Protein backbone atom coordinates (compact mmCIF):
# COMPACT_ATOMS: atom_id res chain seq x y z
CA MET A 1 0.00 0.00 0.00
CA ALA A 2 1.29 3.45 -0.91
CA GLU A 3 2.58 5.55 2.00
CA THR A 4 1.08 8.99 2.63
CA ILE A 5 2.93 11.66 4.63
CA ALA A 6 1.52 15.15 5.26
CA GLY A 7 -1.13 14.44 2.63
CA VAL A 8 1.51 13.52 0.02
CA THR A 9 1.43 10.03 -1.44
CA ILE A 10 4.86 8.50 -2.05
CA PRO A 11 4.92 6.91 -5.52
CA ASP A 12 4.61 3.14 -5.21
CA SER A 13 5.43 1.98 -8.73
CA ALA A 14 8.15 -0.60 -9.38
CA LEU A 15 10.39 2.23 -10.61
CA ALA A 16 9.86 4.29 -7.46
CA ARG A 17 10.43 1.31 -5.17
CA GLU A 18 13.66 0.48 -6.98
CA ALA A 19 14.80 4.10 -6.72
CA THR A 20 14.08 4.03 -3.00
CA GLU A 21 16.13 0.88 -2.48
CA LEU A 22 19.01 2.14 -4.60
CA VAL A 23 19.31 5.31 -2.53
CA ARG A 24 18.73 3.52 0.77
CA ASP A 25 21.55 1.12 -0.11
CA ALA A 26 24.03 3.75 -1.36
CA ALA A 27 23.41 6.72 0.90
CA SER A 28 23.72 7.35 4.61
CA PRO A 29 20.51 7.60 6.64
CA LEU A 30 21.12 11.36 6.72
CA LEU A 31 21.02 11.64 2.92
CA PHE A 32 18.21 9.11 2.52
CA HIS A 33 15.90 10.98 4.89
CA HIS A 34 16.94 14.33 3.40
CA SER A 35 16.13 13.11 -0.11
CA ARG A 36 12.70 11.84 0.90
CA ARG A 37 11.98 15.15 2.61
CA VAL A 38 13.00 17.00 -0.56
CA PHE A 39 10.29 15.11 -2.45
CA LEU A 40 7.72 15.86 0.23
CA TRP A 41 8.62 19.54 0.58
CA GLY A 42 8.78 19.93 -3.19
CA THR A 43 5.34 18.43 -3.61
CA LEU A 44 3.88 20.61 -0.87
CA ARG A 45 5.48 23.74 -2.34
CA GLY A 46 4.13 22.73 -5.72
CA ARG A 47 0.60 22.55 -4.37
CA GLU A 48 1.00 25.97 -2.81
CA GLN A 49 2.29 27.48 -6.08
CA GLY A 50 0.00 25.58 -8.44
CA LEU A 51 2.84 23.57 -9.98
CA ASP A 52 1.85 20.09 -11.10
CA ALA A 53 4.81 17.74 -11.54
CA ASP A 54 4.85 14.11 -12.58
CA PRO A 55 5.18 12.41 -9.17
CA GLU A 56 7.48 9.62 -10.37
CA LEU A 57 9.87 11.96 -12.14
CA LEU A 58 9.94 14.34 -9.19
CA TYR A 59 10.54 11.42 -6.85
CA VAL A 60 13.53 10.17 -8.81
CA GLY A 61 14.91 13.70 -9.04
CA ALA A 62 14.59 14.19 -5.30
CA MET A 63 15.95 10.79 -4.36
CA PHE A 64 18.97 10.94 -6.69
CA HIS A 65 19.87 14.61 -6.20
CA ASP A 66 22.64 13.95 -3.65
CA LEU A 67 23.93 10.59 -4.93
CA GLY A 68 27.11 12.38 -6.00
CA LEU A 69 27.98 12.80 -2.31
CA THR A 70 28.03 9.04 -1.74
CA PRO A 71 31.21 6.95 -2.08
CA ARG A 72 29.52 4.62 -4.58
CA TYR A 73 28.51 7.29 -7.08
CA GLN A 74 30.88 10.22 -6.56
CA ARG A 75 33.51 10.97 -9.19
CA ALA A 76 36.57 13.17 -8.97
CA ASP A 77 36.30 14.95 -12.31
CA GLN A 78 32.96 16.77 -12.22
CA ARG A 79 30.50 18.57 -9.94
CA PHE A 80 28.65 16.29 -7.55
CA GLU A 81 25.32 17.46 -8.99
CA LEU A 82 26.30 15.90 -12.32
CA ASP A 83 27.10 12.57 -10.67
CA GLY A 84 23.53 12.27 -9.43
CA ALA A 85 22.04 13.63 -12.64
CA ASP A 86 23.99 11.19 -14.81
CA GLU A 87 23.04 8.23 -12.61
CA ALA A 88 19.38 9.26 -12.67
CA ARG A 89 19.41 9.36 -16.46
CA ARG A 90 21.01 5.90 -16.61
CA PHE A 91 18.45 4.58 -14.13
CA LEU A 92 15.50 6.02 -16.06
CA ASN A 93 16.85 4.88 -19.42
CA ALA A 94 17.17 1.35 -18.04
CA HIS A 95 13.46 1.52 -17.20
CA GLY A 96 12.50 2.74 -20.67
CA ILE A 97 12.18 6.43 -19.75
CA THR A 98 14.21 8.42 -22.24
CA GLY A 99 14.19 11.75 -24.07
CA GLY A 100 12.30 14.67 -22.56
CA PRO A 101 11.16 13.05 -19.30
CA ALA A 102 14.69 11.86 -18.50
CA ASP A 103 16.03 15.28 -19.44
CA LEU A 104 13.69 16.92 -16.91
CA VAL A 105 15.05 14.76 -14.10
CA TRP A 106 18.66 15.27 -15.19
CA THR A 107 18.21 19.04 -15.30
CA GLY A 108 16.41 19.18 -11.96
CA ILE A 109 19.33 17.44 -10.26
CA ALA A 110 22.06 19.26 -12.17
CA LEU A 111 20.64 22.69 -11.29
CA HIS A 112 19.45 22.07 -7.74
CA THR A 113 22.22 24.22 -6.20
CA THR A 114 21.85 27.02 -8.77
CA PRO A 115 19.75 29.91 -7.40
CA GLU A 116 16.73 31.25 -9.31
CA ILE A 117 17.16 29.63 -12.73
CA PRO A 118 15.45 26.26 -12.03
CA LEU A 119 12.47 28.08 -10.53
CA ARG A 120 11.63 29.42 -14.02
CA MET A 121 11.66 25.93 -15.52
CA ALA A 122 9.33 22.91 -15.61
CA PRO A 123 7.75 21.78 -12.32
CA GLU A 124 9.86 18.60 -12.22
CA ILE A 125 12.92 20.86 -12.21
CA ALA A 126 11.67 23.70 -10.03
CA LEU A 127 10.27 21.52 -7.26
CA VAL A 128 13.54 19.70 -6.62
CA THR A 129 15.16 23.07 -5.95
CA LEU A 130 12.23 24.26 -3.81
CA GLY A 131 12.44 21.08 -1.78
CA VAL A 132 16.19 21.39 -1.30
CA GLU A 133 15.94 25.07 -0.40
CA LEU A 134 13.32 24.39 2.26
CA ASP A 135 15.15 21.46 3.83
CA VAL A 136 18.69 22.87 3.78
CA LEU A 137 18.25 26.65 3.85
CA GLY A 138 14.81 27.06 5.40
CA ILE A 139 13.55 29.01 2.38
CA GLY A 140 9.78 28.57 2.28
CA TYR A 141 9.64 27.28 5.86
CA HIS A 142 6.38 29.12 6.55
CA ALA A 143 4.87 28.17 3.19
CA VAL A 144 4.02 24.77 4.66
CA SER A 145 1.89 24.39 7.78
CA ASP A 146 3.13 23.44 11.23
CA ALA A 147 1.17 20.19 10.94
CA GLU A 148 2.76 19.35 7.58
CA ARG A 149 6.25 20.05 8.90
CA SER A 150 5.63 17.91 11.96
CA SER A 151 4.31 15.03 9.87
CA VAL A 152 7.25 15.09 7.46
CA VAL A 153 9.88 15.31 10.19
CA ALA A 154 8.20 12.56 12.21
CA ALA A 155 8.47 10.24 9.20
CA HIS A 156 11.96 11.40 8.20
CA PRO A 157 13.78 12.87 11.22
CA ARG A 158 16.55 15.45 10.95
CA PRO A 159 18.66 15.13 14.13
CA ASP A 160 21.62 17.52 14.18
CA PHE A 161 20.89 18.11 10.50
CA ARG A 162 22.75 21.38 9.99
CA LYS A 163 26.04 19.97 11.25
CA GLN A 164 25.60 16.61 9.57
CA ILE A 165 24.65 17.91 6.12
CA LEU A 166 27.61 20.28 6.11
CA ALA A 167 29.86 17.34 6.96
CA ALA A 168 28.31 15.31 4.13
CA PHE A 169 28.89 18.16 1.68
CA THR A 170 32.50 18.50 2.81
CA GLU A 171 33.30 14.80 2.51
CA GLY A 172 31.53 14.52 -0.84
CA ILE A 173 33.49 17.31 -2.54
CA ARG A 174 36.81 17.71 -0.72
CA ASN A 175 38.56 15.50 -3.30
CA ARG A 176 37.48 17.76 -6.20
CA PRO A 177 37.80 21.35 -4.98
CA GLU A 178 38.16 22.75 -8.50
CA THR A 179 34.55 21.72 -9.24
CA THR A 180 33.29 24.28 -6.71
CA PHE A 181 34.44 27.21 -8.85
CA GLY A 182 31.56 29.65 -9.18
CA ASN A 183 29.08 27.69 -7.07
CA VAL A 184 27.85 27.60 -3.50
CA LYS A 185 29.88 24.57 -2.46
CA ALA A 186 33.04 26.70 -2.45
CA ASP A 187 31.66 28.20 0.77
CA VAL A 188 31.61 24.74 2.36
CA LEU A 189 35.25 24.02 1.57
CA ALA A 190 36.27 27.52 2.67
CA HIS A 191 34.80 26.78 6.10
CA PHE A 192 35.86 23.18 6.60
CA VAL A 193 38.95 22.34 4.50
CA PRO A 194 42.16 24.02 5.70
CA GLY A 195 44.18 25.56 2.90
CA PHE A 196 41.34 25.66 0.40
CA THR A 197 41.59 28.62 -1.97
CA ARG A 198 38.51 29.40 -4.00
CA GLY A 199 38.80 30.17 -7.69
CA ASP A 200 38.55 33.81 -8.68
CA PHE A 201 36.64 34.71 -11.82
CA VAL A 202 38.49 38.01 -12.21
CA ASP A 203 41.84 36.22 -12.03
CA VAL A 204 40.69 33.77 -14.70
CA ILE A 205 39.93 36.67 -17.03
CA ARG A 206 43.15 38.51 -16.27
CA ASN A 207 45.29 35.40 -16.70
CA SER A 208 43.68 34.03 -19.86
CA ASP A 209 45.78 33.28 -22.93
CA TRP A 210 44.36 36.25 -24.83
CA PRO A 211 46.94 38.93 -25.64
CA GLU A 212 46.05 42.44 -24.57
């Protein structure tokens, strides 16, 4: 029987169940519960804003969005967002979901740490970002009711979440600091990795190979 939390029904298709087990197996409890909350918050924010996403596609986007922070799926040569996006596309393709629908999920994951832009895109993209922003940054906290928040957190607890998610970010990207150039994860390494020096866009321009 499908599970309902805060009035949101968790997709119960074979694809959704397999996505759940893949993430449960690969990710820490911290990231598993965070990813489920992202789906729930995203769905609730969608209802509030009149955004109607395909529940299965949104679920896969939410569940896979942080796979690039896990030892099994993280790479050293690209942004962690791309790790999760690429794995989601492979997963969907293996289940016969290709083309536009798979592209929506890929884009939602790839852009989930990029401010503003995904919010102007399709609901399957925008709602991943809205879910992440609520759970990590508290943006939209009062857009859901106290009862909804209590129900979601009861089902997927967030003990010591601020400290633990920052630690997960740090461990997931410390081996590829150059991939944080121009994005919010540079702030994480600046706080938690001694000796980290963030890239400077002005220096890149000044030191390019173009002659003056």
